[in-house]
All heavy atoms as atom14 arrays in JSON, in Angstrom:
{
  "sequence": "CTTAEEARQRIRLGFWLMIREGSAAQNLDALLPLVQELHP",
  "atom14_mask": [
    [1, 1, 1, 1, 1, 1, 0, 0, 0, 0, 0, 0, 0, 0],
    [1, 1, 1, 1, 1, 1, 1, 0, 0, 0, 0, 0, 0, 0],
    [1, 1, 1, 1, 1, 1, 1, 0, 0, 0, 0, 0, 0, 0],
    [1, 1, 1, 1, 1, 0, 0, 0, 0, 0, 0, 0, 0, 0],
    [1, 1, 1, 1, 1, 1, 1, 1, 1, 0, 0, 0, 0, 0],
    [1, 1, 1, 1, 1, 1, 1, 1, 1, 0, 0, 0, 0, 0],
    [1, 1, 1, 1, 1, 0, 0, 0, 0, 0, 0, 0, 0, 0],
    [1, 1, 1, 1, 1, 1, 1, 1, 1, 1, 1, 0, 0, 0],
    [1, 1, 1, 1, 1, 1, 1, 1, 1, 0, 0, 0, 0, 0],
    [1, 1, 1, 1, 1, 1, 1, 1, 1, 1, 1, 0, 0, 0],
    [1, 1, 1, 1, 1, 1, 1, 1, 0, 0, 0, 0, 0, 0],
    [1, 1, 1, 1, 1, 1, 1, 1, 1, 1, 1, 0, 0, 0],
    [1, 1, 1, 1, 1, 1, 1, 1, 0, 0, 0, 0, 0, 0],
    [1, 1, 1, 1, 0, 0, 0, 0, 0, 0, 0, 0, 0, 0],
    [1, 1, 1, 1, 1, 1, 1, 1, 1, 1, 1, 0, 0, 0],
    [1, 1, 1, 1, 1, 1, 1, 1, 1, 1, 1, 1, 1, 1],
    [1, 1, 1, 1, 1, 1, 1, 1, 0, 0, 0, 0, 0, 0],
    [1, 1, 1, 1, 1, 1, 1, 1, 0, 0, 0, 0, 0, 0],
    [1, 1, 1, 1, 1, 1, 1, 1, 0, 0, 0, 0, 0, 0],
    [1, 1, 1, 1, 1, 1, 1, 1, 1, 1, 1, 0, 0, 0],
    [1, 1, 1, 1, 1, 1, 1, 1, 1, 0, 0, 0, 0, 0],
    [1, 1, 1, 1, 0, 0, 0, 0, 0, 0, 0, 0, 0, 0],
    [1, 1, 1, 1, 1, 1, 0, 0, 0, 0, 0, 0, 0, 0],
    [1, 1, 1, 1, 1, 0, 0, 0, 0, 0, 0, 0, 0, 0],
    [1, 1, 1, 1, 1, 0, 0, 0, 0, 0, 0, 0, 0, 0],
    [1, 1, 1, 1, 1, 1, 1, 1, 1, 0, 0, 0, 0, 0],
    [1, 1, 1, 1, 1, 1, 1, 1, 0, 0, 0, 0, 0, 0],
    [1, 1, 1, 1, 1, 1, 1, 1, 0, 0, 0, 0, 0, 0],
    [1, 1, 1, 1, 1, 1, 1, 1, 0, 0, 0, 0, 0, 0],
    [1, 1, 1, 1, 1, 0, 0, 0, 0, 0, 0, 0, 0, 0],
    [1, 1, 1, 1, 1, 1, 1, 1, 0, 0, 0, 0, 0, 0],
    [1, 1, 1, 1, 1, 1, 1, 1, 0, 0, 0, 0, 0, 0],
    [1, 1, 1, 1, 1, 1, 1, 0, 0, 0, 0, 0, 0, 0],
    [1, 1, 1, 1, 1, 1, 1, 1, 0, 0, 0, 0, 0, 0],
    [1, 1, 1, 1, 1, 1, 1, 0, 0, 0, 0, 0, 0, 0],
    [1, 1, 1, 1, 1, 1, 1, 1, 1, 0, 0, 0, 0, 0],
    [1, 1, 1, 1, 1, 1, 1, 1, 1, 0, 0, 0, 0, 0],
    [1, 1, 1, 1, 1, 1, 1, 1, 0, 0, 0, 0, 0, 0],
    [1, 1, 1, 1, 1, 1, 1, 1, 1, 1, 0, 0, 0, 0],
    [1, 1, 1, 1, 1, 1, 1, 0, 0, 0, 0, 0, 0, 0]
  ],
  "atom14_positions": [
    [[-6.0, -114.76, -13.75], [-5.95, -114.22, -12.39], [-6.16, -112.71, -12.41], [-5.5, -111.99, -13.16], [-4.61, -114.54, -11.74], [-4.33, -116.28, -11.45], [0.0, 0.0, 0.0], [0.0, 0.0, 0.0], [0.0, 0.0, 0.0], [0.0, 0.0, 0.0], [0.0, 0.0, 0.0], [0.0, 0.0, 0.0], [0.0, 0.0, 0.0], [0.0, 0.0, 0.0]],
    [[-7.05, -112.25, -11.55], [-7.29, -110.81, -11.44], [-6.87, -110.26, -10.09], [-6.81, -109.04, -9.91], [-8.78, -110.49, -11.69], [-9.57, -111.18, -10.71], [-9.21, -110.92, -13.08], [0.0, 0.0, 0.0], [0.0, 0.0, 0.0], [0.0, 0.0, 0.0], [0.0, 0.0, 0.0], [0.0, 0.0, 0.0], [0.0, 0.0, 0.0], [0.0, 0.0, 0.0]],
    [[-6.6, -111.14, -9.12], [-6.18, -110.7, -7.8], [-4.88, -111.41, -7.41], [-4.58, -112.5, -7.88], [-7.24, -111.01, -6.73], [-7.33, -112.45, -6.55], [-8.6, -110.47, -7.13], [0.0, 0.0, 0.0], [0.0, 0.0, 0.0], [0.0, 0.0, 0.0], [0.0, 0.0, 0.0], [0.0, 0.0, 0.0], [0.0, 0.0, 0.0], [0.0, 0.0, 0.0]],
    [[-4.13, -110.78, -6.5], [-2.88, -111.37, -6.04], [-3.12, -112.69, -5.32], [-2.3, -113.6, -5.39], [-2.15, -110.39, -5.13], [0.0, 0.0, 0.0], [0.0, 0.0, 0.0], [0.0, 0.0, 0.0], [0.0, 0.0, 0.0], [0.0, 0.0, 0.0], [0.0, 0.0, 0.0], [0.0, 0.0, 0.0], [0.0, 0.0, 0.0], [0.0, 0.0, 0.0]],
    [[-4.26, -112.82, -4.63], [-4.55, -114.05, -3.91], [-4.75, -115.21, -4.88], [-4.26, -116.32, -4.65], [-5.78, -113.88, -3.02], [-6.12, -115.11, -2.18], [-4.93, -115.63, -1.37], [-4.13, -114.81, -0.86], [-4.8, -116.87, -1.26], [0.0, 0.0, 0.0], [0.0, 0.0, 0.0], [0.0, 0.0, 0.0], [0.0, 0.0, 0.0], [0.0, 0.0, 0.0]],
    [[-5.5, -114.97, -5.96], [-5.66, -116.01, -6.99], [-4.29, -116.41, -7.55], [-4.0, -117.59, -7.73], [-6.52, -115.49, -8.13], [-8.01, -115.53, -7.9], [-8.75, -115.08, -9.15], [-8.48, -113.98, -9.66], [-9.61, -115.85, -9.63], [0.0, 0.0, 0.0], [0.0, 0.0, 0.0], [0.0, 0.0, 0.0], [0.0, 0.0, 0.0], [0.0, 0.0, 0.0]],
    [[-3.46, -115.41, -7.83], [-2.15, -115.68, -8.4], [-1.28, -116.47, -7.43], [-0.57, -117.4, -7.82], [-1.47, -114.37, -8.77], [0.0, 0.0, 0.0], [0.0, 0.0, 0.0], [0.0, 0.0, 0.0], [0.0, 0.0, 0.0], [0.0, 0.0, 0.0], [0.0, 0.0, 0.0], [0.0, 0.0, 0.0], [0.0, 0.0, 0.0], [0.0, 0.0, 0.0]],
    [[-1.35, -116.13, -6.14], [-0.56, -116.84, -5.13], [-0.96, -118.32, -5.07], [-0.1, -119.2, -4.98], [-0.75, -116.18, -3.77], [0.21, -116.7, -2.69], [-0.15, -116.12, -1.34], [-0.07, -114.68, -1.31], [1.04, -114.01, -1.02], [2.16, -114.66, -0.75], [1.03, -112.69, -1.01], [0.0, 0.0, 0.0], [0.0, 0.0, 0.0], [0.0, 0.0, 0.0]],
    [[-2.26, -118.58, -5.13], [-2.73, -119.97, -5.11], [-2.11, -120.77, -6.24], [-1.68, -121.92, -6.07], [-4.26, -120.01, -5.22], [-5.01, -119.47, -4.03], [-6.49, -119.33, -4.32], [-6.99, -119.81, -5.35], [-7.22, -118.67, -3.43], [0.0, 0.0, 0.0], [0.0, 0.0, 0.0], [0.0, 0.0, 0.0], [0.0, 0.0, 0.0], [0.0, 0.0, 0.0]],
    [[-2.07, -120.18, -7.41], [-1.57, -120.89, -8.58], [-0.05, -121.09, -8.51], [0.45, -122.17, -8.84], [-1.98, -120.15, -9.85], [-3.43, -120.44, -10.21], [-4.17, -119.27, -10.81], [-5.57, -119.61, -11.08], [-6.52, -119.66, -10.14], [-6.23, -119.42, -8.86], [-7.76, -119.99, -10.46], [0.0, 0.0, 0.0], [0.0, 0.0, 0.0], [0.0, 0.0, 0.0]],
    [[0.67, -120.07, -8.09], [2.12, -120.2, -7.96], [2.47, -121.28, -6.95], [3.38, -122.09, -7.16], [2.74, -118.84, -7.57], [2.64, -117.86, -8.75], [4.18, -119.0, -7.13], [2.99, -116.43, -8.4], [0.0, 0.0, 0.0], [0.0, 0.0, 0.0], [0.0, 0.0, 0.0], [0.0, 0.0, 0.0], [0.0, 0.0, 0.0], [0.0, 0.0, 0.0]],
    [[1.73, -121.33, -5.85], [1.99, -122.35, -4.82], [1.78, -123.77, -5.34], [2.42, -124.71, -4.87], [1.09, -122.11, -3.61], [1.53, -120.95, -2.73], [0.54, -120.7, -1.6], [1.05, -119.74, -0.63], [0.35, -119.29, 0.4], [-0.9, -119.7, 0.6], [0.9, -118.42, 1.23], [0.0, 0.0, 0.0], [0.0, 0.0, 0.0], [0.0, 0.0, 0.0]],
    [[0.89, -123.92, -6.31], [0.6, -125.24, -6.85], [1.44, -125.58, -8.08], [1.22, -126.6, -8.73], [-0.89, -125.35, -7.22], [-1.86, -125.3, -6.03], [-3.3, -125.46, -6.51], [-1.54, -126.39, -5.0], [0.0, 0.0, 0.0], [0.0, 0.0, 0.0], [0.0, 0.0, 0.0], [0.0, 0.0, 0.0], [0.0, 0.0, 0.0], [0.0, 0.0, 0.0]],
    [[2.41, -124.71, -8.39], [3.33, -125.01, -9.47], [2.87, -124.56, -10.84], [3.54, -124.84, -11.84], [0.0, 0.0, 0.0], [0.0, 0.0, 0.0], [0.0, 0.0, 0.0], [0.0, 0.0, 0.0], [0.0, 0.0, 0.0], [0.0, 0.0, 0.0], [0.0, 0.0, 0.0], [0.0, 0.0, 0.0], [0.0, 0.0, 0.0], [0.0, 0.0, 0.0]],
    [[1.74, -123.87, -10.91], [1.33, -123.3, -12.19], [2.32, -122.22, -12.63], [2.93, -121.54, -11.8], [-0.05, -122.62, -12.07], [-1.22, -123.55, -12.06], [-1.76, -123.98, -10.86], [-1.81, -123.97, -13.23], [-2.86, -124.81, -10.82], [-2.91, -124.8, -13.21], [-3.44, -125.23, -12.01], [0.0, 0.0, 0.0], [0.0, 0.0, 0.0], [0.0, 0.0, 0.0]],
    [[2.43, -122.03, -13.92], [3.07, -120.84, -14.46], [2.0, -119.75, -14.51], [0.91, -119.97, -15.05], [3.61, -121.09, -15.86], [4.86, -121.93, -15.89], [4.93, -123.28, -15.7], [6.19, -121.48, -16.13], [6.24, -123.71, -15.81], [7.03, -122.63, -16.08], [6.75, -120.23, -16.39], [8.41, -122.54, -16.28], [8.13, -120.16, -16.6], [8.95, -121.3, -16.53]],
    [[2.32, -118.62, -13.93], [1.39, -117.5, -13.92], [1.64, -116.62, -15.14], [2.72, -116.06, -15.31], [1.56, -116.68, -12.64], [0.75, -115.37, -12.56], [-0.75, -115.68, -12.48], [1.21, -114.53, -11.37], [0.0, 0.0, 0.0], [0.0, 0.0, 0.0], [0.0, 0.0, 0.0], [0.0, 0.0, 0.0], [0.0, 0.0, 0.0], [0.0, 0.0, 0.0]],
    [[0.63, -116.5, -15.99], [0.68, -115.55, -17.11], [0.03, -114.26, -16.63], [-1.17, -114.25, -16.34], [-0.08, -116.09, -18.31], [0.45, -117.37, -18.93], [-0.62, -117.85, -20.33], [0.27, -119.27, -20.96], [0.0, 0.0, 0.0], [0.0, 0.0, 0.0], [0.0, 0.0, 0.0], [0.0, 0.0, 0.0], [0.0, 0.0, 0.0], [0.0, 0.0, 0.0]],
    [[0.8, -113.2, -16.53], [0.23, -111.9, -16.16], [-0.28, -111.23, -17.43], [0.49, -110.96, -18.35], [1.26, -111.02, -15.45], [1.7, -111.67, -14.14], [0.69, -109.62, -15.19], [2.7, -110.85, -13.34], [0.0, 0.0, 0.0], [0.0, 0.0, 0.0], [0.0, 0.0, 0.0], [0.0, 0.0, 0.0], [0.0, 0.0, 0.0], [0.0, 0.0, 0.0]],
    [[-1.57, -110.96, -17.45], [-2.22, -110.44, -18.65], [-2.43, -108.93, -18.56], [-2.83, -108.4, -17.54], [-3.57, -111.13, -18.84], [-4.42, -110.5, -19.94], [-5.73, -111.24, -20.11], [-6.5, -111.28, -18.88], [-7.58, -112.04, -18.71], [-7.99, -112.83, -19.68], [-8.23, -112.02, -17.57], [0.0, 0.0, 0.0], [0.0, 0.0, 0.0], [0.0, 0.0, 0.0]],
    [[-2.16, -108.29, -19.68], [-2.47, -106.86, -19.8], [-3.01, -106.66, -21.21], [-2.28, -106.39, -22.17], [-1.22, -106.01, -19.56], [-1.47, -104.53, -19.51], [-2.12, -104.03, -18.21], [-2.4, -104.86, -17.31], [-2.34, -102.82, -18.1], [0.0, 0.0, 0.0], [0.0, 0.0, 0.0], [0.0, 0.0, 0.0], [0.0, 0.0, 0.0], [0.0, 0.0, 0.0]],
    [[-4.33, -106.85, -21.36], [-4.97, -106.68, -22.65], [-5.6, -105.32, -22.76], [-5.31, -104.4, -22.0], [0.0, 0.0, 0.0], [0.0, 0.0, 0.0], [0.0, 0.0, 0.0], [0.0, 0.0, 0.0], [0.0, 0.0, 0.0], [0.0, 0.0, 0.0], [0.0, 0.0, 0.0], [0.0, 0.0, 0.0], [0.0, 0.0, 0.0], [0.0, 0.0, 0.0]],
    [[-6.51, -105.19, -23.74], [-7.24, -103.93, -23.89], [-8.45, -103.91, -22.97], [-8.78, -102.88, -22.4], [-7.67, -103.74, -25.34], [-6.55, -103.56, -26.18], [0.0, 0.0, 0.0], [0.0, 0.0, 0.0], [0.0, 0.0, 0.0], [0.0, 0.0, 0.0], [0.0, 0.0, 0.0], [0.0, 0.0, 0.0], [0.0, 0.0, 0.0], [0.0, 0.0, 0.0]],
    [[-9.13, -105.06, -22.83], [-10.31, -105.12, -21.97], [-9.97, -105.58, -20.56], [-10.49, -105.06, -19.59], [-11.35, -106.05, -22.59], [0.0, 0.0, 0.0], [0.0, 0.0, 0.0], [0.0, 0.0, 0.0], [0.0, 0.0, 0.0], [0.0, 0.0, 0.0], [0.0, 0.0, 0.0], [0.0, 0.0, 0.0], [0.0, 0.0, 0.0], [0.0, 0.0, 0.0]],
    [[-9.08, -106.56, -20.43], [-8.7, -107.1, -19.12], [-7.26, -106.71, -18.82], [-6.34, -107.12, -19.52], [-8.85, -108.62, -19.11], [0.0, 0.0, 0.0], [0.0, 0.0, 0.0], [0.0, 0.0, 0.0], [0.0, 0.0, 0.0], [0.0, 0.0, 0.0], [0.0, 0.0, 0.0], [0.0, 0.0, 0.0], [0.0, 0.0, 0.0], [0.0, 0.0, 0.0]],
    [[-7.07, -105.91, -17.78], [-5.75, -105.38, -17.43], [-5.43, -105.76, -15.99], [-6.01, -105.23, -15.05], [-5.73, -103.87, -17.64], [-6.05, -103.47, -19.08], [-6.12, -101.98, -19.29], [-5.73, -101.19, -18.43], [-6.62, -101.58, -20.44], [0.0, 0.0, 0.0], [0.0, 0.0, 0.0], [0.0, 0.0, 0.0], [0.0, 0.0, 0.0], [0.0, 0.0, 0.0]],
    [[-4.47, -106.68, -15.83], [-4.2, -107.26, -14.51], [-2.8, -107.0, -14.0], [-2.45, -107.45, -12.91], [-4.46, -108.77, -14.56], [-5.8, -109.14, -15.17], [-5.87, -109.94, -16.09], [-6.87, -108.52, -14.69], [0.0, 0.0, 0.0], [0.0, 0.0, 0.0], [0.0, 0.0, 0.0], [0.0, 0.0, 0.0], [0.0, 0.0, 0.0], [0.0, 0.0, 0.0]],
    [[-1.98, -106.31, -14.77], [-0.58, -106.13, -14.38], [-0.44, -105.4, -13.06], [0.29, -105.83, -12.16], [0.18, -105.39, -15.48], [1.65, -105.06, -15.2], [2.46, -106.33, -15.0], [2.25, -104.24, -16.34], [0.0, 0.0, 0.0], [0.0, 0.0, 0.0], [0.0, 0.0, 0.0], [0.0, 0.0, 0.0], [0.0, 0.0, 0.0], [0.0, 0.0, 0.0]],
    [[-1.13, -104.28, -12.89], [-0.98, -103.5, -11.66], [-1.38, -104.29, -10.43], [-0.76, -104.16, -9.36], [-1.82, -102.23, -11.74], [-1.21, -101.17, -12.67], [-0.42, -101.56, -13.56], [-1.52, -99.98, -12.51], [0.0, 0.0, 0.0], [0.0, 0.0, 0.0], [0.0, 0.0, 0.0], [0.0, 0.0, 0.0], [0.0, 0.0, 0.0], [0.0, 0.0, 0.0]],
    [[-2.41, -105.13, -10.55], [-2.9, -105.9, -9.4], [-1.97, -107.06, -9.05], [-1.85, -107.42, -7.87], [-4.3, -106.43, -9.7], [0.0, 0.0, 0.0], [0.0, 0.0, 0.0], [0.0, 0.0, 0.0], [0.0, 0.0, 0.0], [0.0, 0.0, 0.0], [0.0, 0.0, 0.0], [0.0, 0.0, 0.0], [0.0, 0.0, 0.0], [0.0, 0.0, 0.0]],
    [[-1.28, -107.64, -10.03], [-0.5, -108.85, -9.79], [0.99, -108.58, -9.57], [1.68, -109.41, -8.97], [-0.67, -109.83, -10.95], [-2.11, -110.28, -11.25], [-2.11, -111.34, -12.34], [-2.8, -110.81, -10.0], [0.0, 0.0, 0.0], [0.0, 0.0, 0.0], [0.0, 0.0, 0.0], [0.0, 0.0, 0.0], [0.0, 0.0, 0.0], [0.0, 0.0, 0.0]],
    [[1.49, -107.44, -10.04], [2.93, -107.2, -9.93], [3.43, -107.16, -8.49], [4.55, -107.61, -8.23], [3.31, -105.91, -10.66], [4.8, -105.81, -10.97], [5.21, -106.85, -12.02], [5.17, -104.42, -11.45], [0.0, 0.0, 0.0], [0.0, 0.0, 0.0], [0.0, 0.0, 0.0], [0.0, 0.0, 0.0], [0.0, 0.0, 0.0], [0.0, 0.0, 0.0]],
    [[2.66, -106.64, -7.52], [3.16, -106.67, -6.13], [3.53, -108.08, -5.66], [4.46, -108.23, -4.86], [2.0, -106.09, -5.32], [1.31, -105.17, -6.28], [1.4, -105.86, -7.61], [0.0, 0.0, 0.0], [0.0, 0.0, 0.0], [0.0, 0.0, 0.0], [0.0, 0.0, 0.0], [0.0, 0.0, 0.0], [0.0, 0.0, 0.0], [0.0, 0.0, 0.0]],
    [[2.83, -109.1, -6.15], [3.17, -110.47, -5.76], [4.52, -110.87, -6.34], [5.31, -111.57, -5.68], [2.08, -111.43, -6.24], [2.21, -112.87, -5.76], [2.03, -112.95, -4.25], [1.18, -113.76, -6.45], [0.0, 0.0, 0.0], [0.0, 0.0, 0.0], [0.0, 0.0, 0.0], [0.0, 0.0, 0.0], [0.0, 0.0, 0.0], [0.0, 0.0, 0.0]],
    [[4.81, -110.44, -7.56], [6.12, -110.71, -8.15], [7.21, -110.02, -7.34], [8.26, -110.6, -7.07], [6.15, -110.22, -9.62], [7.55, -110.36, -10.21], [5.14, -111.01, -10.47], [0.0, 0.0, 0.0], [0.0, 0.0, 0.0], [0.0, 0.0, 0.0], [0.0, 0.0, 0.0], [0.0, 0.0, 0.0], [0.0, 0.0, 0.0], [0.0, 0.0, 0.0]],
    [[6.94, -108.79, -6.92], [7.93, -108.04, -6.13], [8.13, -108.66, -4.75], [9.21, -108.56, -4.18], [7.49, -106.58, -6.01], [7.52, -105.84, -7.34], [6.8, -104.5, -7.3], [5.64, -104.43, -6.89], [7.47, -103.45, -7.72], [0.0, 0.0, 0.0], [0.0, 0.0, 0.0], [0.0, 0.0, 0.0], [0.0, 0.0, 0.0], [0.0, 0.0, 0.0]],
    [[7.11, -109.32, -4.25], [7.21, -109.98, -2.95], [7.95, -111.32, -3.04], [8.85, -111.6, -2.25], [5.82, -110.21, -2.37], [5.81, -111.01, -1.07], [4.42, -111.5, -0.67], [3.41, -111.0, -1.22], [4.34, -112.41, 0.19], [0.0, 0.0, 0.0], [0.0, 0.0, 0.0], [0.0, 0.0, 0.0], [0.0, 0.0, 0.0], [0.0, 0.0, 0.0]],
    [[7.56, -112.15, -4.0], [8.05, -113.53, -4.07], [9.17, -113.74, -5.09], [9.93, -114.7, -4.95], [6.9, -114.48, -4.42], [5.7, -114.52, -3.47], [4.64, -115.47, -4.01], [6.13, -114.93, -2.07], [0.0, 0.0, 0.0], [0.0, 0.0, 0.0], [0.0, 0.0, 0.0], [0.0, 0.0, 0.0], [0.0, 0.0, 0.0], [0.0, 0.0, 0.0]],
    [[9.23, -112.91, -6.12], [10.15, -113.12, -7.24], [10.09, -114.58, -7.73], [11.12, -115.24, -7.84], [11.58, -112.73, -6.86], [11.7, -111.31, -6.41], [11.73, -110.25, -7.29], [11.76, -110.78, -5.15], [11.82, -109.11, -6.6], [11.83, -109.4, -5.32], [0.0, 0.0, 0.0], [0.0, 0.0, 0.0], [0.0, 0.0, 0.0], [0.0, 0.0, 0.0]],
    [[8.89, -115.08, -8.03], [8.76, -116.48, -8.41], [9.31, -116.73, -9.82], [9.24, -115.84, -10.7], [7.24, -116.7, -8.38], [6.66, -115.34, -8.66], [7.62, -114.35, -8.06], [0.0, 0.0, 0.0], [0.0, 0.0, 0.0], [0.0, 0.0, 0.0], [0.0, 0.0, 0.0], [0.0, 0.0, 0.0], [0.0, 0.0, 0.0], [0.0, 0.0, 0.0]]
  ]
}
């Protein structure tokens, strides 16, 4: 997931969301607001 909307779709369907922060792909800043909103 690279956007909060993608992450929301997965959380709603019962997926476990792995928030990735690698060297090439860095998604933490984009996805953390959803965690702060929902605390899933």
